[in-house]
Amino acid sequence: MGSGMWSTDVYTAADRYRRATGKSAFSYSDSGAKVVHPQLDPRGATRESRDSAEHPRSTPVTVLFDVTGSMGHVPRTLQAKLPQLLGLLLRQGYARDPQIMFGAIGDATCDRVPLQVGQFESDNRMDEDLGRIVLEGGGGGQMKESYELALYFMARRTVTDSWEKRGRRGYLFIIGDELAYPAVKAAEVARLIGDDPREDVPVRQIVDEVTRRWDTYYLLPAGSHYSGNRKVLDFWRGLLGQNALELDDLDAVCETIALTVGLGEQAIDLDTGLRDLDRSGSTATRTVSKALARLNGARRTEVADLPATRTTGGGVVRL
């Protein structure tokens, strides 16, 4: 996967057609679907981000979002702002050959569709993957969702040339507002993914596995049920440190993702990225500035404290 090129013109034409015909961008879910779409089914699947003649230095970016309860509107916001995300990554040169995979997270203890995972795409098929997501809107009601199951998939069921050929991590963004369960349950993995782990995997262990190959972020947006909840934020900061970010406005999520990738690729500094937002007419500058200021400061401190570093294609690696 990951072939082709993104076209805003194609996206706009599809959007106009849907509006003219009264069709939803999420027609699969809005038609009443209650099972995972075959192309997003994680069972027995491996998702690959590969280089090609068309995209010789692929940069994998994964965006997974909670679709339970008050988070059910997140994918609709993402779908509407895809041009802004791709515009910043591509036109501004924040990432070389980005390949984006979307997926959705629910609750494996009670939801019909607790995990949905698309493909890594470079063209408008990423819009099609978003449209196949079931917006279940359920959840368990106990301030927990199965984020750990999604982390397991990312740790053990993804392959990227970025890592295998260049030793460079991809980017993983989880958008949610609740806690993960304490461990990845072996029975849930067997039922939903098809692996056969011998025992449950503590959430700390699976986070360590994921962050070895994925620069991982948790975004807690305003407007969700547990936005601003210190228990949720402290939980994720305990796992991801400064990479657990608060957003004052969900509409800023695409710009936050794009600038975070640009910073990680050392394609921009924060001030440059914020100026790019202003020039593009984005209304997200203030929210993104606030969200990334803490992250940017922590990165500068981390780099300054390193005893020695080397760069690999713009990234900083500990020696």
Protein backbone atom coordinates (compact mmCIF):
# COMPACT_ATOMS: atom_id res chain seq x y z
CA MET A 1 0.00 0.00 0.00
CA GLY A 2 0.98 3.67 -0.13
CA SER A 3 1.02 4.23 -3.89
CA GLY A 4 -0.49 7.20 -5.72
CA MET A 5 -0.63 10.89 -4.91
CA TRP A 6 -3.11 12.91 -2.86
CA SER A 7 -5.27 15.30 -4.89
CA THR A 8 -7.26 18.05 -3.19
CA ASP A 9 -9.18 18.44 -6.46
CA VAL A 10 -10.31 14.80 -6.29
CA TYR A 11 -11.27 15.23 -2.64
CA THR A 12 -13.25 18.40 -3.42
CA ALA A 13 -15.05 16.76 -6.33
CA ALA A 14 -16.04 13.79 -4.16
CA ASP A 15 -17.23 16.12 -1.41
CA ARG A 16 -19.34 18.13 -3.85
CA TYR A 17 -20.87 14.96 -5.25
CA ARG A 18 -21.82 13.75 -1.77
CA ARG A 19 -23.40 17.08 -0.93
CA ALA A 20 -25.31 17.19 -4.20
CA THR A 21 -26.66 13.66 -3.78
CA GLY A 22 -27.22 13.82 -0.02
CA LYS A 23 -24.75 11.03 0.64
CA SER A 24 -22.67 10.83 3.80
CA ALA A 25 -18.87 10.71 3.87
CA PHE A 26 -19.42 7.85 6.35
CA SER A 27 -21.99 5.96 4.33
CA TYR A 28 -20.96 2.55 5.66
CA SER A 29 -21.62 3.51 9.26
CA ASP A 30 -24.59 5.76 8.53
CA SER A 31 -26.25 2.96 6.59
CA GLY A 32 -26.50 1.03 9.86
CA ALA A 33 -23.38 -1.19 9.67
CA LYS A 34 -22.73 -3.10 12.89
CA VAL A 35 -19.66 -5.12 11.87
CA VAL A 36 -16.16 -4.09 10.88
CA HIS A 37 -15.71 -3.35 7.18
CA PRO A 38 -13.66 -6.17 5.58
CA GLN A 39 -10.94 -3.74 4.52
CA LEU A 40 -10.53 -2.47 8.10
CA ASP A 41 -10.67 -5.83 9.85
CA PRO A 42 -7.52 -6.34 11.99
CA ARG A 43 -7.92 -10.10 12.29
CA GLY A 44 -4.98 -11.81 10.60
CA ALA A 45 -3.88 -8.50 9.08
CA THR A 46 -0.49 -6.81 8.86
CA ARG A 47 -0.29 -3.18 7.75
CA GLU A 48 2.78 -2.16 5.75
CA SER A 49 4.31 1.18 4.83
CA ARG A 50 6.77 0.49 2.02
CA ASP A 51 9.11 2.50 -0.17
CA SER A 52 8.61 2.54 -3.92
CA ALA A 53 9.97 4.32 -6.98
CA GLU A 54 7.09 6.77 -6.52
CA HIS A 55 7.73 7.22 -2.78
CA PRO A 56 11.37 6.31 -2.14
CA ARG A 57 11.56 7.49 1.50
CA SER A 58 8.16 6.73 2.99
CA THR A 59 7.18 8.43 6.25
CA PRO A 60 4.46 6.40 8.03
CA VAL A 61 1.84 8.33 10.01
CA THR A 62 -0.94 6.55 11.90
CA VAL A 63 -3.99 8.31 13.35
CA LEU A 64 -6.21 6.20 15.62
CA PHE A 65 -9.24 7.70 17.33
CA ASP A 66 -11.73 6.70 19.96
CA VAL A 67 -15.20 6.47 18.38
CA THR A 68 -17.15 5.83 21.58
CA GLY A 69 -19.43 8.24 23.41
CA SER A 70 -18.58 11.90 22.98
CA MET A 71 -15.61 11.03 20.73
CA GLY A 72 -17.81 9.76 17.91
CA HIS A 73 -17.60 13.07 16.02
CA VAL A 74 -13.79 12.97 15.79
CA PRO A 75 -13.53 11.11 12.45
CA ARG A 76 -16.04 13.50 10.86
CA THR A 77 -13.82 16.40 11.88
CA LEU A 78 -10.74 14.62 10.53
CA GLN A 79 -12.44 13.82 7.23
CA ALA A 80 -13.48 17.43 6.74
CA LYS A 81 -9.94 18.69 7.39
CA LEU A 82 -7.93 16.16 5.40
CA PRO A 83 -6.89 18.80 2.82
CA GLN A 84 -5.31 20.92 5.57
CA LEU A 85 -3.39 17.94 6.94
CA LEU A 86 -2.10 16.80 3.56
CA GLY A 87 -1.48 20.37 2.44
CA LEU A 88 0.89 21.03 5.32
CA LEU A 89 2.67 17.68 5.07
CA LEU A 90 3.11 17.84 1.30
CA ARG A 91 3.08 21.44 0.08
CA GLN A 92 5.05 22.77 3.03
CA GLY A 93 7.44 19.81 2.95
CA TYR A 94 6.95 18.77 6.58
CA ALA A 95 7.40 15.09 5.72
CA ARG A 96 8.82 13.29 2.75
CA ASP A 97 6.52 10.74 1.09
CA PRO A 98 3.94 10.60 3.91
CA GLN A 99 1.79 7.47 4.06
CA ILE A 100 -1.20 7.83 6.39
CA MET A 101 -3.22 5.08 8.05
CA PHE A 102 -6.48 5.77 9.89
CA GLY A 103 -8.12 3.51 12.44
CA ALA A 104 -10.71 3.51 15.21
CA ILE A 105 -10.79 2.30 18.81
CA GLY A 106 -13.70 1.07 20.90
CA ASP A 107 -14.14 -1.17 23.93
CA ALA A 108 -13.37 -4.87 23.47
CA THR A 109 -15.39 -5.75 26.57
CA CYS A 110 -18.72 -4.56 25.14
CA ASP A 111 -18.54 -3.01 21.64
CA ARG A 112 -19.36 -4.83 18.41
CA VAL A 113 -16.40 -3.22 16.59
CA PRO A 114 -13.63 -2.50 19.12
CA LEU A 115 -10.76 -2.15 16.64
CA GLN A 116 -10.69 -0.97 13.01
CA VAL A 117 -7.46 -0.46 11.07
CA GLY A 118 -7.10 0.94 7.55
CA GLN A 119 -4.14 0.82 5.19
CA PHE A 120 -1.16 3.13 4.78
CA GLU A 121 -2.13 5.36 1.86
CA SER A 122 -0.54 8.24 -0.01
CA ASP A 123 -3.53 9.15 -2.15
CA ASN A 124 -7.27 9.71 -1.78
CA ARG A 125 -7.88 6.15 -0.65
CA MET A 126 -7.21 7.40 2.88
CA ASP A 127 -10.48 9.35 2.56
CA GLU A 128 -12.19 6.12 1.51
CA ASP A 129 -10.78 4.31 4.57
CA LEU A 130 -12.22 6.98 6.84
CA GLY A 131 -15.59 6.48 5.18
CA ARG A 132 -15.55 2.77 6.02
CA ILE A 133 -15.23 3.30 9.78
CA VAL A 134 -18.14 2.25 11.98
CA LEU A 135 -18.93 5.13 14.34
CA GLU A 136 -20.27 2.92 17.07
CA GLY A 137 -20.69 5.48 19.83
CA GLY A 138 -20.92 2.90 22.61
CA GLY A 139 -18.17 2.36 25.14
CA GLY A 140 -18.12 0.75 28.52
CA GLY A 141 -18.94 3.75 30.71
CA GLN A 142 -16.05 3.16 33.13
CA MET A 143 -13.54 5.74 31.86
CA LYS A 144 -11.63 3.02 29.97
CA GLU A 145 -11.45 1.97 26.32
CA SER A 146 -9.29 -0.62 24.58
CA TYR A 147 -6.42 1.67 23.57
CA GLU A 148 -4.02 -1.05 24.67
CA LEU A 149 -5.41 -3.41 22.02
CA ALA A 150 -4.69 -0.82 19.32
CA LEU A 151 -1.19 -0.36 20.73
CA TYR A 152 -0.67 -4.12 20.51
CA PHE A 153 -1.60 -4.05 16.83
CA MET A 154 0.80 -1.17 16.17
CA ALA A 155 3.62 -2.91 18.05
CA ARG A 156 3.28 -6.36 16.53
CA ARG A 157 1.27 -6.07 13.33
CA THR A 158 2.87 -3.16 11.45
CA VAL A 159 5.94 -3.16 9.22
CA THR A 160 7.62 -0.03 7.85
CA ASP A 161 10.58 0.49 5.56
CA SER A 162 11.22 3.71 7.46
CA TRP A 163 12.28 1.60 10.43
CA GLU A 164 13.67 -1.48 8.70
CA LYS A 165 15.80 0.39 6.15
CA ARG A 166 16.62 3.66 7.90
CA GLY A 167 16.08 3.08 11.61
CA ARG A 168 13.56 5.93 11.68
CA ARG A 169 10.40 5.74 13.72
CA GLY A 170 6.99 6.48 12.28
CA TYR A 171 4.41 8.75 13.91
CA LEU A 172 1.44 7.44 15.88
CA PHE A 173 -1.35 9.71 17.12
CA ILE A 174 -4.11 8.42 19.40
CA ILE A 175 -7.05 10.79 19.88
CA GLY A 176 -9.13 9.94 22.93
CA ASP A 177 -10.39 11.01 26.32
CA GLU A 178 -10.19 7.94 28.58
CA LEU A 179 -7.77 5.49 30.17
CA ALA A 180 -6.46 2.27 28.68
CA TYR A 181 -7.08 -1.03 30.43
CA PRO A 182 -4.17 -2.21 32.63
CA ALA A 183 -3.17 -5.00 30.24
CA VAL A 184 -3.68 -6.31 26.74
CA LYS A 185 -5.88 -9.35 27.30
CA ALA A 186 -4.67 -12.48 25.52
CA ALA A 187 -8.24 -13.63 24.86
CA GLU A 188 -9.14 -10.35 23.15
CA VAL A 189 -6.02 -10.50 20.99
CA ALA A 190 -6.89 -14.03 19.91
CA ARG A 191 -10.51 -13.11 19.12
CA LEU A 192 -9.96 -9.80 17.36
CA ILE A 193 -6.45 -9.92 15.90
CA GLY A 194 -5.82 -13.64 15.57
CA ASP A 195 -2.54 -13.88 17.48
CA ASP A 196 -2.12 -16.35 20.33
CA PRO A 197 -0.13 -14.69 23.10
CA ARG A 198 0.56 -16.96 26.04
CA GLU A 199 -0.48 -14.39 28.61
CA ASP A 200 -1.80 -10.87 29.07
CA VAL A 201 0.64 -8.06 28.26
CA PRO A 202 0.90 -5.17 30.76
CA VAL A 203 0.10 -1.81 29.19
CA ARG A 204 3.52 -0.44 30.19
CA GLN A 205 5.21 -3.26 28.27
CA ILE A 206 3.17 -2.75 25.11
CA VAL A 207 3.79 1.03 25.21
CA ASP A 208 7.53 0.34 25.42
CA GLU A 209 7.25 -1.95 22.39
CA VAL A 210 5.29 0.63 20.40
CA THR A 211 7.52 3.59 21.19
CA ARG A 212 10.59 1.70 20.03
CA ARG A 213 9.32 2.01 16.43
CA TRP A 214 6.66 4.73 16.68
CA ASP A 215 6.96 8.30 17.96
CA THR A 216 3.70 8.10 19.90
CA TYR A 217 1.31 10.89 20.98
CA TYR A 218 -1.97 10.99 22.86
CA LEU A 219 -4.25 13.94 22.06
CA LEU A 220 -6.97 14.85 24.56
CA PRO A 221 -9.34 17.30 22.84
CA ALA A 222 -11.76 19.81 24.31
CA GLY A 223 -15.42 18.93 23.92
CA SER A 224 -14.96 15.27 24.82
CA HIS A 225 -16.55 13.82 27.93
CA TYR A 226 -13.32 13.70 29.95
CA SER A 227 -11.52 16.69 28.44
CA GLY A 228 -9.49 18.43 31.11
CA ASN A 229 -9.68 15.39 33.40
CA ARG A 230 -6.43 15.24 35.36
CA LYS A 231 -6.69 11.50 35.96
CA VAL A 232 -6.78 10.83 32.23
CA LEU A 233 -3.99 13.27 31.42
CA ASP A 234 -1.78 12.02 34.26
CA PHE A 235 -2.32 8.42 33.13
CA TRP A 236 -1.12 9.12 29.61
CA ARG A 237 1.72 11.38 30.72
CA GLY A 238 2.84 8.54 32.94
CA LEU A 239 3.10 6.39 29.81
CA LEU A 240 4.17 8.94 27.17
CA GLY A 241 5.57 11.89 29.11
CA GLN A 242 5.32 15.23 27.28
CA ASN A 243 3.78 13.45 24.27
CA ALA A 244 0.38 13.50 25.97
CA LEU A 245 -1.12 16.76 24.69
CA GLU A 246 -4.27 18.75 25.46
CA LEU A 247 -6.15 20.49 22.65
CA ASP A 248 -8.42 23.43 23.36
CA ASP A 249 -10.23 22.86 20.06
CA LEU A 250 -10.86 19.58 18.23
CA ASP A 251 -10.86 21.50 14.94
CA ALA A 252 -7.12 21.99 15.41
CA VAL A 253 -6.31 18.27 15.39
CA CYS A 254 -5.08 18.05 11.79
CA GLU A 255 -2.84 21.10 12.14
CA THR A 256 -1.48 19.73 15.43
CA ILE A 257 -0.62 16.42 13.77
CA ALA A 258 1.02 18.12 10.79
CA LEU A 259 3.20 20.45 12.88
CA THR A 260 4.15 17.65 15.26
CA VAL A 261 5.39 15.60 12.31
CA GLY A 262 7.19 18.65 10.89
CA LEU A 263 8.94 19.21 14.21
CA GLY A 264 9.84 15.53 14.48
CA GLU A 265 11.31 15.55 10.99
CA GLN A 266 13.17 18.77 11.83
CA ALA A 267 11.62 20.29 8.71
CA ILE A 268 10.46 23.33 10.70
CA ASP A 269 10.71 24.97 14.07
CA LEU A 270 7.53 25.85 15.95
CA ASP A 271 7.56 29.52 15.02
CA THR A 272 7.86 28.68 11.32
CA GLY A 273 5.02 26.18 11.57
CA LEU A 274 2.75 28.68 13.27
CA ARG A 275 3.50 31.26 10.59
CA ASP A 276 2.59 28.64 7.96
CA LEU A 277 -0.77 28.19 9.69
CA ASP A 278 -1.42 31.92 9.68
CA ARG A 279 -0.57 32.19 5.99
CA SER A 280 -2.86 29.27 5.16
CA GLY A 281 -5.81 31.01 6.82
CA SER A 282 -6.11 28.37 9.55
CA THR A 283 -7.96 29.33 12.72
CA ALA A 284 -5.98 26.76 14.73
CA THR A 285 -2.80 28.76 15.38
CA ARG A 286 -3.52 29.63 19.00
CA THR A 287 -4.61 26.10 19.95
CA VAL A 288 -1.64 24.48 18.22
CA SER A 289 0.79 26.95 19.77
CA LYS A 290 -0.48 26.17 23.26
CA ALA A 291 -0.51 22.39 22.69
CA LEU A 292 2.96 22.17 21.20
CA ALA A 293 4.78 24.75 23.33
CA ARG A 294 5.30 22.23 26.14
CA LEU A 295 6.33 19.50 23.72
CA ASN A 296 8.75 21.78 21.88
CA GLY A 297 10.35 22.95 25.09
CA ALA A 298 10.78 19.39 26.34
CA ARG A 299 12.42 18.39 23.05
CA ARG A 300 14.91 21.24 23.22
CA THR A 301 15.82 20.23 26.79
CA GLU A 302 16.18 16.57 25.81
CA VAL A 303 18.47 17.35 22.87
CA ALA A 304 20.58 19.72 24.99
CA ASP A 305 21.01 17.03 27.65
CA LEU A 306 22.15 14.31 25.23
CA PRO A 307 25.84 13.37 25.74
CA ALA A 308 26.19 12.80 22.00
CA THR A 309 23.87 12.66 19.01
CA ARG A 310 23.91 11.93 15.37
CA THR A 311 21.33 12.83 12.74
CA THR A 312 19.61 10.42 10.37
CA GLY A 313 17.68 12.15 7.65
CA GLY A 314 16.78 15.04 9.94
CA GLY A 315 16.05 13.00 13.07
CA VAL A 316 18.10 12.93 16.28
CA VAL A 317 19.20 9.55 17.60
CA ARG A 318 20.77 8.79 20.97
CA LEU A 319 24.26 7.30 20.85
